[in-house]
Amino acid sequence: MMFGSINSSGAIIDVTKHGEASDILLPNQIERVQKVAVDIGGSLAKVVYLTSGPRSQGGRLHFAAFETDNVEKCVAFIRTLLDTDNTEEPVIMATGGGAHRFRDLLNKELGVEIRVEDEMESLTAGLNFLIREVADEVFTYSEDRPMQFVDAAADMFPYML
């Protein structure tokens, strides 16, 4: 499946930790795509970004988190991610109340377009991605049978968060 220009088919969770969270491997992503997104909430700013390996080695979604009180550290981190050799102007997708609060700071410090997106739409799109594309992300739970992983149904709706 394609999400924008990202080929997410065959996505898997990398069980090796590369920081605080596990990465998502995108084995069929071969095109270099510069993607950075941030969700700035009341206590944490969460960043997800895509890196691409050499051709035919796929891509990787990385995750990082920063305390919102130190949003400057988050901005400095994002600055290190931006590819100055890229001919396309990067766009940072942002959600959360902090996306509005810190939009001018992000734009001024990073010099890129900040596109504020609806948080709930982004949340459901992300969950749909996990359900459709990443193995062992859907499970059932009951007191007598704790967490049983299941294959995502073709008709996955409705589901419970």
C-alpha atoms as a PDB file:
ATOM      1  CA  MET A   1       0.000   0.000   0.000  1.00  0.00           C
ATOM      2  CA  MET A   2       1.150   3.533  -0.657  1.00  0.00           C
ATOM      3  CA  PHE A   3       0.737   6.286   1.947  1.00  0.00           C
ATOM      4  CA  GLY A   4       1.523   9.411  -0.035  1.00  0.00           C
ATOM      5  CA  SER A   5       4.869   8.586  -1.631  1.00  0.00           C
ATOM      6  CA  ILE A   6       5.803   6.011   1.023  1.00  0.00           C
ATOM      7  CA  ASN A   7       5.595   2.329   0.038  1.00  0.00           C
ATOM      8  CA  SER A   8       4.422   0.650   3.238  1.00  0.00           C
ATOM      9  CA  SER A   9       3.810  -2.845   1.867  1.00  0.00           C
ATOM     10  CA  GLY A  10       5.489  -5.510   3.976  1.00  0.00           C
ATOM     11  CA  ALA A  11       6.059  -3.166   6.927  1.00  0.00           C
ATOM     12  CA  ILE A  12       7.310  -4.846  10.112  1.00  0.00           C
ATOM     13  CA  ILE A  13       8.262  -3.729  13.606  1.00  0.00           C
ATOM     14  CA  ASP A  14      12.017  -3.903  14.212  1.00  0.00           C
ATOM     15  CA  VAL A  15      12.369  -5.589  17.600  1.00  0.00           C
ATOM     16  CA  THR A  16      15.844  -4.067  17.996  1.00  0.00           C
ATOM     17  CA  LYS A  17      15.550  -0.811  19.904  1.00  0.00           C
ATOM     18  CA  HIS A  18      17.200   2.200  18.285  1.00  0.00           C
ATOM     19  CA  GLY A  19      16.335   4.645  21.049  1.00  0.00           C
ATOM     20  CA  GLU A  20      13.243   4.718  23.230  1.00  0.00           C
ATOM     21  CA  ALA A  21      10.878   3.097  20.711  1.00  0.00           C
ATOM     22  CA  SER A  22      11.036   0.366  18.100  1.00  0.00           C
ATOM     23  CA  ASP A  23      11.375   1.437  14.476  1.00  0.00           C
ATOM     24  CA  ILE A  24       9.076   0.296  11.677  1.00  0.00           C
ATOM     25  CA  LEU A  25      10.935  -1.225   8.732  1.00  0.00           C
ATOM     26  CA  LEU A  26       9.633  -0.518   5.227  1.00  0.00           C
ATOM     27  CA  PRO A  27      11.414  -3.133   3.092  1.00  0.00           C
ATOM     28  CA  ASN A  28       9.853  -2.038  -0.208  1.00  0.00           C
ATOM     29  CA  GLN A  29      10.572   1.689   0.141  1.00  0.00           C
ATOM     30  CA  ILE A  30      13.280   2.480  -2.392  1.00  0.00           C
ATOM     31  CA  GLU A  31      12.696   6.121  -3.294  1.00  0.00           C
ATOM     32  CA  ARG A  32      14.388   8.760  -1.122  1.00  0.00           C
ATOM     33  CA  VAL A  33      11.598  10.658   0.564  1.00  0.00           C
ATOM     34  CA  GLN A  34      12.100  13.331   3.167  1.00  0.00           C
ATOM     35  CA  LYS A  35       9.299  13.071   5.675  1.00  0.00           C
ATOM     36  CA  VAL A  36       9.151  14.537   9.160  1.00  0.00           C
ATOM     37  CA  ALA A  37       6.049  14.794  11.323  1.00  0.00           C
ATOM     38  CA  VAL A  38       5.592  16.063  14.859  1.00  0.00           C
ATOM     39  CA  ASP A  39       2.789  15.848  17.406  1.00  0.00           C
ATOM     40  CA  ILE A  40       3.212  18.498  20.070  1.00  0.00           C
ATOM     41  CA  GLY A  41       1.075  17.917  23.112  1.00  0.00           C
ATOM     42  CA  GLY A  42       0.890  19.400  26.584  1.00  0.00           C
ATOM     43  CA  SER A  43       3.741  17.314  27.994  1.00  0.00           C
ATOM     44  CA  LEU A  44       5.514  15.618  25.065  1.00  0.00           C
ATOM     45  CA  ALA A  45       6.521  16.447  21.514  1.00  0.00           C
ATOM     46  CA  LYS A  46       6.694  13.230  19.465  1.00  0.00           C
ATOM     47  CA  VAL A  47       8.630  13.134  16.195  1.00  0.00           C
ATOM     48  CA  VAL A  48       8.427  10.485  13.481  1.00  0.00           C
ATOM     49  CA  TYR A  49      10.743  10.584  10.496  1.00  0.00           C
ATOM     50  CA  LEU A  50      11.553   8.420   7.500  1.00  0.00           C
ATOM     51  CA  THR A  51      15.020   7.437   6.412  1.00  0.00           C
ATOM     52  CA  SER A  52      15.816   5.493   3.278  1.00  0.00           C
ATOM     53  CA  GLY A  53      18.714   3.117   2.901  1.00  0.00           C
ATOM     54  CA  PRO A  54      20.650   2.559  -0.280  1.00  0.00           C
ATOM     55  CA  ARG A  55      18.459   1.390  -3.165  1.00  0.00           C
ATOM     56  CA  SER A  56      16.637  -1.871  -2.525  1.00  0.00           C
ATOM     57  CA  GLN A  57      17.310  -1.797   1.217  1.00  0.00           C
ATOM     58  CA  GLY A  58      14.009  -0.192   2.100  1.00  0.00           C
ATOM     59  CA  GLY A  59      13.238   2.544   4.571  1.00  0.00           C
ATOM     60  CA  ARG A  60      12.745   2.941   8.288  1.00  0.00           C
ATOM     61  CA  LEU A  61      10.317   5.002  10.364  1.00  0.00           C
ATOM     62  CA  HIS A  62      12.022   6.312  13.509  1.00  0.00           C
ATOM     63  CA  PHE A  63      10.376   7.736  16.611  1.00  0.00           C
ATOM     64  CA  ALA A  64      11.675  10.249  19.158  1.00  0.00           C
ATOM     65  CA  ALA A  65      10.091  12.151  22.054  1.00  0.00           C
ATOM     66  CA  PHE A  66      10.957  15.384  23.854  1.00  0.00           C
ATOM     67  CA  GLU A  67       9.405  17.207  26.788  1.00  0.00           C
ATOM     68  CA  THR A  68       7.275  20.069  25.502  1.00  0.00           C
ATOM     69  CA  ASP A  69       8.830  22.336  28.137  1.00  0.00           C
ATOM     70  CA  ASN A  70      12.103  21.876  26.177  1.00  0.00           C
ATOM     71  CA  VAL A  71      10.621  22.263  22.704  1.00  0.00           C
ATOM     72  CA  GLU A  72      13.866  23.939  21.595  1.00  0.00           C
ATOM     73  CA  LYS A  73      15.607  20.527  21.838  1.00  0.00           C
ATOM     74  CA  CYS A  74      12.926  19.063  19.577  1.00  0.00           C
ATOM     75  CA  VAL A  75      13.403  21.877  17.053  1.00  0.00           C
ATOM     76  CA  ALA A  76      17.191  21.380  17.109  1.00  0.00           C
ATOM     77  CA  PHE A  77      16.705  17.644  16.542  1.00  0.00           C
ATOM     78  CA  ILE A  78      14.370  18.234  13.583  1.00  0.00           C
ATOM     79  CA  ARG A  79      16.925  20.652  12.106  1.00  0.00           C
ATOM     80  CA  THR A  80      19.474  17.810  12.016  1.00  0.00           C
ATOM     81  CA  LEU A  81      16.988  15.686  10.039  1.00  0.00           C
ATOM     82  CA  LEU A  82      16.368  18.129   7.231  1.00  0.00           C
ATOM     83  CA  ASP A  83      18.237  17.240   4.054  1.00  0.00           C
ATOM     84  CA  THR A  84      19.840  20.396   2.737  1.00  0.00           C
ATOM     85  CA  ASP A  85      20.728  18.607  -0.513  1.00  0.00           C
ATOM     86  CA  ASN A  86      17.091  17.830  -1.286  1.00  0.00           C
ATOM     87  CA  THR A  87      15.788  19.826  -4.246  1.00  0.00           C
ATOM     88  CA  GLU A  88      12.225  19.733  -2.888  1.00  0.00           C
ATOM     89  CA  GLU A  89      11.270  22.029  -0.052  1.00  0.00           C
ATOM     90  CA  PRO A  90      10.493  19.865   2.979  1.00  0.00           C
ATOM     91  CA  VAL A  91       7.117  20.169   4.658  1.00  0.00           C
ATOM     92  CA  ILE A  92       6.674  19.232   8.292  1.00  0.00           C
ATOM     93  CA  MET A  93       3.284  17.839   9.197  1.00  0.00           C
ATOM     94  CA  ALA A  94       2.234  18.856  12.711  1.00  0.00           C
ATOM     95  CA  THR A  95      -0.636  17.905  15.005  1.00  0.00           C
ATOM     96  CA  GLY A  96      -1.692  18.677  18.549  1.00  0.00           C
ATOM     97  CA  GLY A  97      -2.342  21.914  20.380  1.00  0.00           C
ATOM     98  CA  GLY A  98       1.372  22.672  20.264  1.00  0.00           C
ATOM     99  CA  ALA A  99       1.292  22.605  16.474  1.00  0.00           C
ATOM    100  CA  HIS A 100      -0.652  25.856  16.644  1.00  0.00           C
ATOM    101  CA  ARG A 101       1.229  27.207  19.661  1.00  0.00           C
ATOM    102  CA  PHE A 102       4.714  26.549  18.217  1.00  0.00           C
ATOM    103  CA  ARG A 103       3.986  26.898  14.492  1.00  0.00           C
ATOM    104  CA  ASP A 104       5.714  30.280  14.172  1.00  0.00           C
ATOM    105  CA  LEU A 105       8.743  29.048  16.156  1.00  0.00           C
ATOM    106  CA  LEU A 106       9.069  25.938  13.958  1.00  0.00           C
ATOM    107  CA  ASN A 107       8.735  27.976  10.787  1.00  0.00           C
ATOM    108  CA  LYS A 108      11.235  30.620  11.916  1.00  0.00           C
ATOM    109  CA  GLU A 109      13.841  28.178  13.275  1.00  0.00           C
ATOM    110  CA  LEU A 110      13.572  25.578  10.508  1.00  0.00           C
ATOM    111  CA  GLY A 111      12.673  27.757   7.533  1.00  0.00           C
ATOM    112  CA  VAL A 112      10.187  25.223   6.165  1.00  0.00           C
ATOM    113  CA  GLU A 113       6.461  25.019   5.656  1.00  0.00           C
ATOM    114  CA  ILE A 114       4.604  23.746   8.719  1.00  0.00           C
ATOM    115  CA  ARG A 115       1.344  22.077   7.704  1.00  0.00           C
ATOM    116  CA  VAL A 116      -0.999  21.679  10.669  1.00  0.00           C
ATOM    117  CA  GLU A 117      -3.177  18.584  10.296  1.00  0.00           C
ATOM    118  CA  ASP A 118      -6.251  17.420  12.198  1.00  0.00           C
ATOM    119  CA  GLU A 119      -5.090  15.281  15.124  1.00  0.00           C
ATOM    120  CA  MET A 120      -7.951  12.755  15.068  1.00  0.00           C
ATOM    121  CA  GLU A 121      -7.702  12.220  11.307  1.00  0.00           C
ATOM    122  CA  SER A 122      -3.948  11.673  11.680  1.00  0.00           C
ATOM    123  CA  LEU A 123      -4.510   9.278  14.577  1.00  0.00           C
ATOM    124  CA  THR A 124      -6.990   7.134  12.659  1.00  0.00           C
ATOM    125  CA  ALA A 125      -4.814   7.158   9.517  1.00  0.00           C
ATOM    126  CA  GLY A 126      -1.866   5.967  11.625  1.00  0.00           C
ATOM    127  CA  LEU A 127      -3.928   3.235  13.273  1.00  0.00           C
ATOM    128  CA  ASN A 128      -5.257   2.103   9.897  1.00  0.00           C
ATOM    129  CA  PHE A 129      -1.644   1.918   8.672  1.00  0.00           C
ATOM    130  CA  LEU A 130      -0.639  -0.274  11.625  1.00  0.00           C
ATOM    131  CA  ILE A 131      -3.670  -2.537  11.237  1.00  0.00           C
ATOM    132  CA  ARG A 132      -3.312  -2.986   7.468  1.00  0.00           C
ATOM    133  CA  GLU A 133       0.451  -3.022   7.058  1.00  0.00           C
ATOM    134  CA  VAL A 134       2.256  -4.185  10.223  1.00  0.00           C
ATOM    135  CA  ALA A 135       2.043  -7.804  11.358  1.00  0.00           C
ATOM    136  CA  ASP A 136       1.014  -8.611  14.950  1.00  0.00           C
ATOM    137  CA  GLU A 137      -0.541  -5.251  15.700  1.00  0.00           C
ATOM    138  CA  VAL A 138      -4.146  -6.469  15.980  1.00  0.00           C
ATOM    139  CA  PHE A 139      -5.176  -8.473  19.006  1.00  0.00           C
ATOM    140  CA  THR A 140      -8.157  -9.512  21.075  1.00  0.00           C
ATOM    141  CA  TYR A 141      -8.226  -9.561  24.852  1.00  0.00           C
ATOM    142  CA  SER A 142     -10.363 -11.213  27.470  1.00  0.00           C
ATOM    143  CA  GLU A 143      -9.744 -12.084  31.109  1.00  0.00           C
ATOM    144  CA  ASP A 144      -9.541 -15.816  30.398  1.00  0.00           C
ATOM    145  CA  ARG A 145      -7.437 -15.431  27.183  1.00  0.00           C
ATOM    146  CA  PRO A 146      -5.051 -12.498  27.500  1.00  0.00           C
ATOM    147  CA  MET A 147      -3.824 -10.800  24.322  1.00  0.00           C
ATOM    148  CA  GLN A 148      -4.313 -13.066  21.313  1.00  0.00           C
ATOM    149  CA  PHE A 149      -2.840 -11.716  18.061  1.00  0.00           C
ATOM    150  CA  VAL A 150      -5.082 -12.068  15.027  1.00  0.00           C
ATOM    151  CA  ASP A 151      -4.821 -11.265  11.339  1.00  0.00           C
ATOM    152  CA  ALA A 152      -6.513  -8.028  10.377  1.00  0.00           C
ATOM    153  CA  ALA A 153      -9.827  -8.678   8.663  1.00  0.00           C
ATOM    154  CA  ALA A 154     -10.396  -7.375   5.150  1.00  0.00           C
ATOM    155  CA  ASP A 155     -13.253  -5.342   6.614  1.00  0.00           C
ATOM    156  CA  MET A 156     -11.477  -4.024   9.702  1.00  0.00           C
ATOM    157  CA  PHE A 157     -14.143  -1.564  10.782  1.00  0.00           C
ATOM    158  CA  PRO A 158     -15.336  -0.975  13.385  1.00  0.00           C
ATOM    159  CA  TYR A 159     -12.430  -1.403  15.791  1.00  0.00           C
ATOM    160  CA  MET A 160     -11.810  -0.232  19.341  1.00  0.00           C
ATOM    161  CA  LEU A 161      -8.870   1.932  20.396  1.00  0.00           C
END
